[in-house]
Amino acid sequence: MDLLEQYKQQRPDAFQERKPAPADAHGREYGAMIRMAMRLSGGRIRDARQANYTLLVTAVVVGFVALLFFFGIPGSAPTHVNTINP
């Protein structure tokens, strides 16, 4: 028996035709992040343009929060530290 035939018998799902990725009106396929955003939105995001804006806003918010953690929140640091004099 040929090795390929044996594999076809063991894994028939590997040789089934896959459905194409979702595409826009011009036939361009969406990227993985856009498809994920559309899927996770529960139907609120209907097209790639909305998904792009959502991903952009998410990136800006995450970047802003990261900057706050990196530089610290203004006014939250103590102004002086009490030390014990020897």
N, C-alpha and C. Protein backbone atom coordinates (compact mmCIF):
# COMPACT_ATOMS: atom_id res chain seq x y z
N MET A 1 0.84 -1.18 0.00
CA MET A 1 0.00 0.00 0.00
C MET A 1 0.89 1.24 0.00
N ASP A 2 0.48 2.19 -0.78
CA ASP A 2 1.19 3.46 -0.88
C ASP A 2 1.02 4.25 0.42
N LEU A 3 2.05 4.97 0.80
CA LEU A 3 2.01 5.76 2.03
C LEU A 3 0.92 6.83 1.98
N LEU A 4 0.75 7.46 0.81
CA LEU A 4 -0.28 8.47 0.66
C LEU A 4 -1.68 7.87 0.80
N GLU A 5 -1.89 6.70 0.22
CA GLU A 5 -3.19 6.05 0.34
C GLU A 5 -3.48 5.68 1.79
N GLN A 6 -2.47 5.24 2.51
CA GLN A 6 -2.64 4.91 3.92
C GLN A 6 -3.01 6.16 4.72
N TYR A 7 -2.37 7.27 4.42
CA TYR A 7 -2.68 8.53 5.11
C TYR A 7 -4.09 8.99 4.77
N LYS A 8 -4.50 8.83 3.52
CA LYS A 8 -5.87 9.20 3.12
C LYS A 8 -6.90 8.39 3.89
N GLN A 9 -6.59 7.12 4.15
CA GLN A 9 -7.54 6.30 4.90
C GLN A 9 -7.57 6.68 6.37
N GLN A 10 -6.43 7.04 6.92
CA GLN A 10 -6.38 7.39 8.34
C GLN A 10 -6.90 8.80 8.61
N ARG A 11 -6.67 9.73 7.70
CA ARG A 11 -7.06 11.12 7.89
C ARG A 11 -7.87 11.63 6.69
N PRO A 12 -9.09 11.20 6.49
CA PRO A 12 -9.86 11.67 5.32
C PRO A 12 -10.20 13.16 5.40
N ASP A 13 -10.26 13.71 6.61
CA ASP A 13 -10.58 15.13 6.75
C ASP A 13 -9.48 16.03 6.20
N ALA A 14 -8.25 15.53 6.13
CA ALA A 14 -7.14 16.34 5.62
C ALA A 14 -7.25 16.57 4.11
N PHE A 15 -8.02 15.75 3.42
CA PHE A 15 -8.13 15.87 1.97
C PHE A 15 -9.46 16.47 1.53
N GLN A 16 -10.29 16.89 2.48
CA GLN A 16 -11.54 17.54 2.12
C GLN A 16 -11.26 18.97 1.69
N GLU A 17 -12.09 19.47 0.81
CA GLU A 17 -11.92 20.84 0.33
C GLU A 17 -12.35 21.81 1.42
N ARG A 18 -11.51 22.79 1.69
CA ARG A 18 -11.81 23.78 2.73
C ARG A 18 -12.55 24.95 2.13
N LYS A 19 -13.43 25.53 2.94
CA LYS A 19 -14.12 26.71 2.46
C LYS A 19 -13.18 27.91 2.51
N PRO A 20 -13.30 28.82 1.58
CA PRO A 20 -12.38 29.97 1.56
C PRO A 20 -12.63 30.91 2.73
N ALA A 21 -11.62 31.68 3.04
CA ALA A 21 -11.74 32.67 4.11
C ALA A 21 -12.72 33.75 3.66
N PRO A 22 -13.39 34.42 4.61
CA PRO A 22 -14.32 35.49 4.23
C PRO A 22 -13.62 36.57 3.42
N ALA A 23 -14.33 37.12 2.46
CA ALA A 23 -13.75 38.14 1.59
C ALA A 23 -14.70 39.33 1.50
N ASP A 24 -14.15 40.48 1.11
CA ASP A 24 -14.97 41.67 0.96
C ASP A 24 -15.55 41.72 -0.46
N ALA A 25 -16.16 42.83 -0.81
CA ALA A 25 -16.83 42.96 -2.11
C ALA A 25 -15.85 42.90 -3.28
N HIS A 26 -14.58 43.21 -3.03
CA HIS A 26 -13.58 43.19 -4.10
C HIS A 26 -12.84 41.87 -4.18
N GLY A 27 -13.20 40.90 -3.36
CA GLY A 27 -12.58 39.59 -3.40
C GLY A 27 -11.34 39.45 -2.55
N ARG A 28 -11.00 40.48 -1.80
CA ARG A 28 -9.81 40.41 -0.94
C ARG A 28 -10.17 39.66 0.34
N GLU A 29 -9.29 38.80 0.76
CA GLU A 29 -9.53 38.07 2.00
C GLU A 29 -9.18 38.94 3.20
N TYR A 30 -9.90 38.72 4.28
CA TYR A 30 -9.63 39.45 5.51
C TYR A 30 -8.44 38.82 6.22
N GLY A 31 -7.74 39.63 7.00
CA GLY A 31 -6.65 39.13 7.82
C GLY A 31 -7.19 38.39 9.02
N ALA A 32 -6.30 37.68 9.70
CA ALA A 32 -6.72 36.86 10.83
C ALA A 32 -7.23 37.72 11.99
N MET A 33 -6.60 38.87 12.23
CA MET A 33 -7.05 39.73 13.33
C MET A 33 -8.44 40.30 13.04
N ILE A 34 -8.68 40.65 11.79
CA ILE A 34 -10.00 41.19 11.43
C ILE A 34 -11.06 40.12 11.59
N ARG A 35 -10.77 38.91 11.11
CA ARG A 35 -11.74 37.81 11.26
C ARG A 35 -12.00 37.53 12.74
N MET A 36 -10.95 37.57 13.57
CA MET A 36 -11.13 37.31 14.99
C MET A 36 -11.98 38.40 15.64
N ALA A 37 -11.73 39.66 15.29
CA ALA A 37 -12.52 40.76 15.85
C ALA A 37 -13.98 40.64 15.45
N MET A 38 -14.23 40.28 14.20
CA MET A 38 -15.61 40.13 13.73
C MET A 38 -16.30 38.96 14.43
N ARG A 39 -15.56 37.88 14.64
CA ARG A 39 -16.14 36.71 15.29
C ARG A 39 -16.41 36.97 16.76
N LEU A 40 -15.47 37.63 17.45
CA LEU A 40 -15.63 37.86 18.88
C LEU A 40 -16.64 38.96 19.21
N SER A 41 -16.97 39.79 18.23
CA SER A 41 -17.90 40.89 18.49
C SER A 41 -19.34 40.42 18.62
N GLY A 42 -19.61 39.21 18.22
CA GLY A 42 -20.97 38.70 18.33
C GLY A 42 -21.91 39.32 17.29
N GLY A 43 -21.39 39.76 16.17
CA GLY A 43 -22.22 40.33 15.11
C GLY A 43 -22.30 41.84 15.12
N ARG A 44 -21.70 42.49 16.12
CA ARG A 44 -21.75 43.95 16.16
C ARG A 44 -20.85 44.57 15.10
N ILE A 45 -19.73 43.92 14.79
CA ILE A 45 -18.84 44.40 13.74
C ILE A 45 -19.22 43.67 12.46
N ARG A 46 -19.66 44.42 11.45
CA ARG A 46 -20.21 43.79 10.26
C ARG A 46 -19.26 43.77 9.07
N ASP A 47 -18.29 44.68 9.02
CA ASP A 47 -17.39 44.68 7.87
C ASP A 47 -15.96 44.96 8.32
N ALA A 48 -15.04 44.86 7.38
CA ALA A 48 -13.61 45.00 7.68
C ALA A 48 -13.27 46.41 8.14
N ARG A 49 -13.95 47.42 7.63
CA ARG A 49 -13.66 48.80 8.03
C ARG A 49 -13.95 49.00 9.51
N GLN A 50 -15.08 48.51 9.98
CA GLN A 50 -15.41 48.60 11.39
C GLN A 50 -14.42 47.82 12.25
N ALA A 51 -14.00 46.66 11.75
CA ALA A 51 -13.03 45.86 12.49
C ALA A 51 -11.69 46.57 12.57
N ASN A 52 -11.28 47.23 11.50
CA ASN A 52 -10.03 47.98 11.51
C ASN A 52 -10.08 49.11 12.52
N TYR A 53 -11.17 49.86 12.54
CA TYR A 53 -11.30 50.95 13.51
C TYR A 53 -11.31 50.41 14.94
N THR A 54 -12.00 49.30 15.16
CA THR A 54 -12.06 48.72 16.49
C THR A 54 -10.67 48.28 16.94
N LEU A 55 -9.92 47.65 16.06
CA LEU A 55 -8.57 47.21 16.40
C LEU A 55 -7.64 48.41 16.65
N LEU A 56 -7.81 49.47 15.88
CA LEU A 56 -7.01 50.67 16.07
C LEU A 56 -7.29 51.31 17.43
N VAL A 57 -8.55 51.45 17.77
CA VAL A 57 -8.92 52.05 19.05
C VAL A 57 -8.42 51.17 20.20
N THR A 58 -8.53 49.86 20.05
CA THR A 58 -8.04 48.94 21.08
C THR A 58 -6.54 49.10 21.27
N ALA A 59 -5.80 49.21 20.18
CA ALA A 59 -4.34 49.38 20.27
C ALA A 59 -3.97 50.69 20.95
N VAL A 60 -4.70 51.76 20.65
CA VAL A 60 -4.42 53.06 21.27
C VAL A 60 -4.70 53.00 22.77
N VAL A 61 -5.81 52.39 23.17
CA VAL A 61 -6.16 52.29 24.59
C VAL A 61 -5.13 51.45 25.33
N VAL A 62 -4.74 50.31 24.75
CA VAL A 62 -3.75 49.45 25.39
C VAL A 62 -2.41 50.18 25.49
N GLY A 63 -2.03 50.92 24.46
CA GLY A 63 -0.79 51.69 24.50
C GLY A 63 -0.82 52.76 25.57
N PHE A 64 -1.96 53.45 25.72
CA PHE A 64 -2.09 54.47 26.75
C PHE A 64 -1.98 53.87 28.15
N VAL A 65 -2.64 52.74 28.37
CA VAL A 65 -2.56 52.08 29.67
C VAL A 65 -1.13 51.62 29.95
N ALA A 66 -0.44 51.12 28.91
CA ALA A 66 0.95 50.70 29.09
C ALA A 66 1.83 51.89 29.46
N LEU A 67 1.60 53.04 28.84
CA LEU A 67 2.38 54.23 29.19
C LEU A 67 2.11 54.67 30.62
N LEU A 68 0.86 54.55 31.07
CA LEU A 68 0.55 54.89 32.45
C LEU A 68 1.29 53.98 33.42
N PHE A 69 1.34 52.70 33.12
CA PHE A 69 2.08 51.79 34.00
C PHE A 69 3.57 52.05 33.94
N PHE A 70 4.07 52.39 32.77
CA PHE A 70 5.51 52.60 32.62
C PHE A 70 5.98 53.86 33.33
N PHE A 71 5.28 54.96 33.11
CA PHE A 71 5.68 56.23 33.71
C PHE A 71 5.01 56.49 35.05
N GLY A 72 4.04 55.74 35.41
CA GLY A 72 3.35 55.91 36.68
C GLY A 72 2.20 56.89 36.56
N ILE A 73 1.23 56.71 37.39
CA ILE A 73 0.08 57.59 37.40
C ILE A 73 0.46 58.85 38.17
N PRO A 74 0.24 60.04 37.60
CA PRO A 74 0.64 61.28 38.27
C PRO A 74 -0.08 61.44 39.61
N GLY A 75 0.68 61.82 40.63
CA GLY A 75 0.09 62.06 41.94
C GLY A 75 -0.02 60.82 42.80
N SER A 76 0.30 59.66 42.29
CA SER A 76 0.15 58.46 43.09
C SER A 76 1.43 58.08 43.84
N ALA A 77 2.56 58.64 43.44
CA ALA A 77 3.83 58.33 44.10
C ALA A 77 3.97 59.19 45.35
N PRO A 78 4.59 58.65 46.39
CA PRO A 78 4.80 59.46 47.61
C PRO A 78 5.79 60.59 47.31
N THR A 79 5.58 61.73 47.95
CA THR A 79 6.44 62.88 47.72
C THR A 79 7.76 62.79 48.46
N HIS A 80 7.78 62.09 49.59
CA HIS A 80 9.01 61.91 50.34
C HIS A 80 8.99 60.55 51.02
N VAL A 81 10.17 60.10 51.36
CA VAL A 81 10.30 58.81 52.02
C VAL A 81 10.92 59.05 53.40
N ASN A 82 10.27 58.55 54.41
CA ASN A 82 10.80 58.66 55.77
C ASN A 82 11.89 57.60 55.98
N THR A 83 13.04 58.06 56.40
CA THR A 83 14.12 57.13 56.69
C THR A 83 14.52 57.27 58.14
N ILE A 84 15.07 56.23 58.66
CA ILE A 84 15.53 56.25 60.05
C ILE A 84 16.97 56.71 60.04
N ASN A 85 17.25 57.78 60.80
CA ASN A 85 18.63 58.28 60.89
C ASN A 85 19.40 57.43 61.89
N PRO A 86 20.61 57.00 61.51
CA PRO A 86 21.38 56.18 62.44
C PRO A 86 21.95 56.96 63.61
